[in-house]
Amino acid sequence: MPIAARWRSLARLPAPRGRDALPGVYELADADRRVIYIGQSATDVPNRLRQHLAAGGCVAEAAAFWRMAASRVPQADEARLLAAYEAVHGRLPACNRARPLQRGARRRYSERSSGR
């Protein structure tokens, strides 16, 4: 299930928020509004989008639109969005290179108990 928000132009990113950060998940799309990247930010989505644009590469070259959803657990929501995209399309979005690690309760317990 994609993010239920309207597409916004990357040319009109909101100003940096400072202390009023906005964590969440986001989708980036090309000029035809096809999703090319799904990501998350635990701190502030607009600042993370600026980092993508400044770094160059696939996202900076192809992205034209973005949309986001606020989230208290952005890593889990990103994994859910990527899994849903892959279920529909049979692959990850064009600019996503890695799949986030799926961590179940057993793995979280072992990480906490081992001191990692």
Protein backbone atom coordinates (compact mmCIF):
# COMPACT_ATOMS: atom_id res chain seq x y z
CA MET A 1 0.00 0.00 0.00
CA PRO A 2 1.66 3.28 -1.06
CA ILE A 3 1.67 6.39 1.08
CA ALA A 4 -1.73 8.09 1.00
CA ALA A 5 -0.60 11.65 0.38
CA ARG A 6 -0.44 13.93 -2.62
CA TRP A 7 2.73 14.26 -4.66
CA ARG A 8 4.69 17.48 -4.11
CA SER A 9 7.38 18.97 -6.29
CA LEU A 10 10.95 18.61 -4.98
CA ALA A 11 11.49 22.22 -6.03
CA ARG A 12 9.18 23.23 -3.17
CA LEU A 13 10.66 21.45 -0.16
CA PRO A 14 9.69 23.05 3.16
CA ALA A 15 12.25 25.15 5.01
CA PRO A 16 14.47 23.38 7.54
CA ARG A 17 12.46 22.73 10.69
CA GLY A 18 15.16 22.82 13.36
CA ARG A 19 13.67 21.65 16.66
CA ASP A 20 10.29 20.80 15.10
CA ALA A 21 11.66 17.82 13.20
CA LEU A 22 9.30 15.56 11.30
CA PRO A 23 10.31 11.84 11.30
CA GLY A 24 8.62 9.48 8.89
CA VAL A 25 8.71 7.53 5.65
CA TYR A 26 8.76 8.94 2.13
CA GLU A 27 8.49 8.02 -1.52
CA LEU A 28 10.31 9.77 -4.34
CA ALA A 29 8.98 9.64 -7.90
CA ASP A 30 10.18 10.56 -11.37
CA ALA A 31 8.51 13.10 -13.67
CA ASP A 32 5.82 10.53 -14.56
CA ARG A 33 5.12 9.98 -10.84
CA ARG A 34 6.44 6.44 -10.80
CA VAL A 35 8.02 5.55 -7.45
CA ILE A 36 11.80 5.31 -7.77
CA TYR A 37 12.83 5.34 -4.11
CA ILE A 38 11.29 4.54 -0.72
CA GLY A 39 13.10 5.71 2.40
CA GLN A 40 12.77 6.78 6.00
CA SER A 41 14.18 9.35 8.37
CA ALA A 42 14.15 8.99 12.13
CA THR A 43 14.79 12.73 12.49
CA ASP A 44 13.43 14.89 9.66
CA VAL A 45 12.17 13.86 6.21
CA PRO A 46 12.70 17.19 4.35
CA ASN A 47 16.32 17.36 5.55
CA ARG A 48 16.88 13.75 4.43
CA LEU A 49 15.50 14.63 0.99
CA ARG A 50 17.96 17.53 0.77
CA GLN A 51 20.79 15.09 1.55
CA HIS A 52 19.66 12.81 -1.31
CA LEU A 53 19.62 15.74 -3.73
CA ALA A 54 23.05 17.01 -2.64
CA ALA A 55 24.67 13.56 -2.86
CA GLY A 56 23.95 13.07 -6.55
CA GLY A 57 23.36 9.61 -7.98
CA CYS A 58 20.18 7.88 -9.05
CA VAL A 59 17.80 9.73 -6.73
CA ALA A 60 19.16 13.21 -7.48
CA GLU A 61 19.09 12.61 -11.24
CA ALA A 62 15.62 11.11 -11.55
CA ALA A 63 13.49 12.38 -8.66
CA ALA A 64 10.95 15.13 -9.34
CA PHE A 65 8.20 14.54 -6.75
CA TRP A 66 7.94 13.41 -3.14
CA ARG A 67 5.32 12.47 -0.58
CA MET A 68 5.61 11.43 3.04
CA ALA A 69 3.80 10.06 6.05
CA ALA A 70 4.77 10.84 9.64
CA SER A 71 5.75 7.76 11.61
CA ARG A 72 6.80 6.82 15.12
CA VAL A 73 8.56 3.72 13.79
CA PRO A 74 9.92 4.78 10.38
CA GLN A 75 12.20 1.75 9.92
CA ALA A 76 9.31 -0.68 10.27
CA ASP A 77 7.08 1.42 8.00
CA GLU A 78 9.84 1.62 5.37
CA ALA A 79 10.20 -2.18 5.42
CA ARG A 80 6.41 -2.54 5.06
CA LEU A 81 6.29 -0.11 2.10
CA LEU A 82 9.20 -1.85 0.35
CA ALA A 83 7.62 -5.28 0.86
CA ALA A 84 4.29 -4.03 -0.53
CA TYR A 85 6.03 -2.45 -3.55
CA GLU A 86 7.99 -5.64 -4.22
CA ALA A 87 4.84 -7.78 -3.92
CA VAL A 88 3.13 -5.72 -6.61
CA HIS A 89 6.08 -5.09 -8.96
CA GLY A 90 8.32 -8.10 -8.29
CA ARG A 91 11.34 -5.91 -7.52
CA LEU A 92 12.45 -2.97 -5.40
CA PRO A 93 12.11 0.61 -6.74
CA ALA A 94 14.78 1.59 -9.27
CA CYS A 95 16.96 3.60 -6.86
CA ASN A 96 16.62 1.36 -3.79
CA ARG A 97 19.73 -0.78 -3.60
CA ALA A 98 19.29 -2.58 -0.29
CA ARG A 99 16.40 -4.09 1.57
CA PRO A 100 16.17 -3.18 5.27
CA LEU A 101 16.76 -6.02 7.68
CA GLN A 102 13.64 -7.74 8.96
CA ARG A 103 13.94 -8.09 12.70
CA GLY A 104 11.52 -10.31 14.51
CA ALA A 105 11.08 -10.54 18.27
CA ARG A 106 13.59 -13.39 18.55
CA ARG A 107 16.31 -11.43 16.75
CA ARG A 108 15.66 -8.25 18.78
CA TYR A 109 15.93 -10.30 21.98
CA SER A 110 19.25 -11.84 20.91
CA GLU A 111 20.64 -8.41 19.95
CA ARG A 112 19.66 -6.91 23.30
CA SER A 113 20.93 -9.83 25.37
CA SER A 114 24.28 -10.05 23.54
CA GLY A 115 25.05 -6.37 24.18
CA ARG A 116 25.28 -5.31 20.51
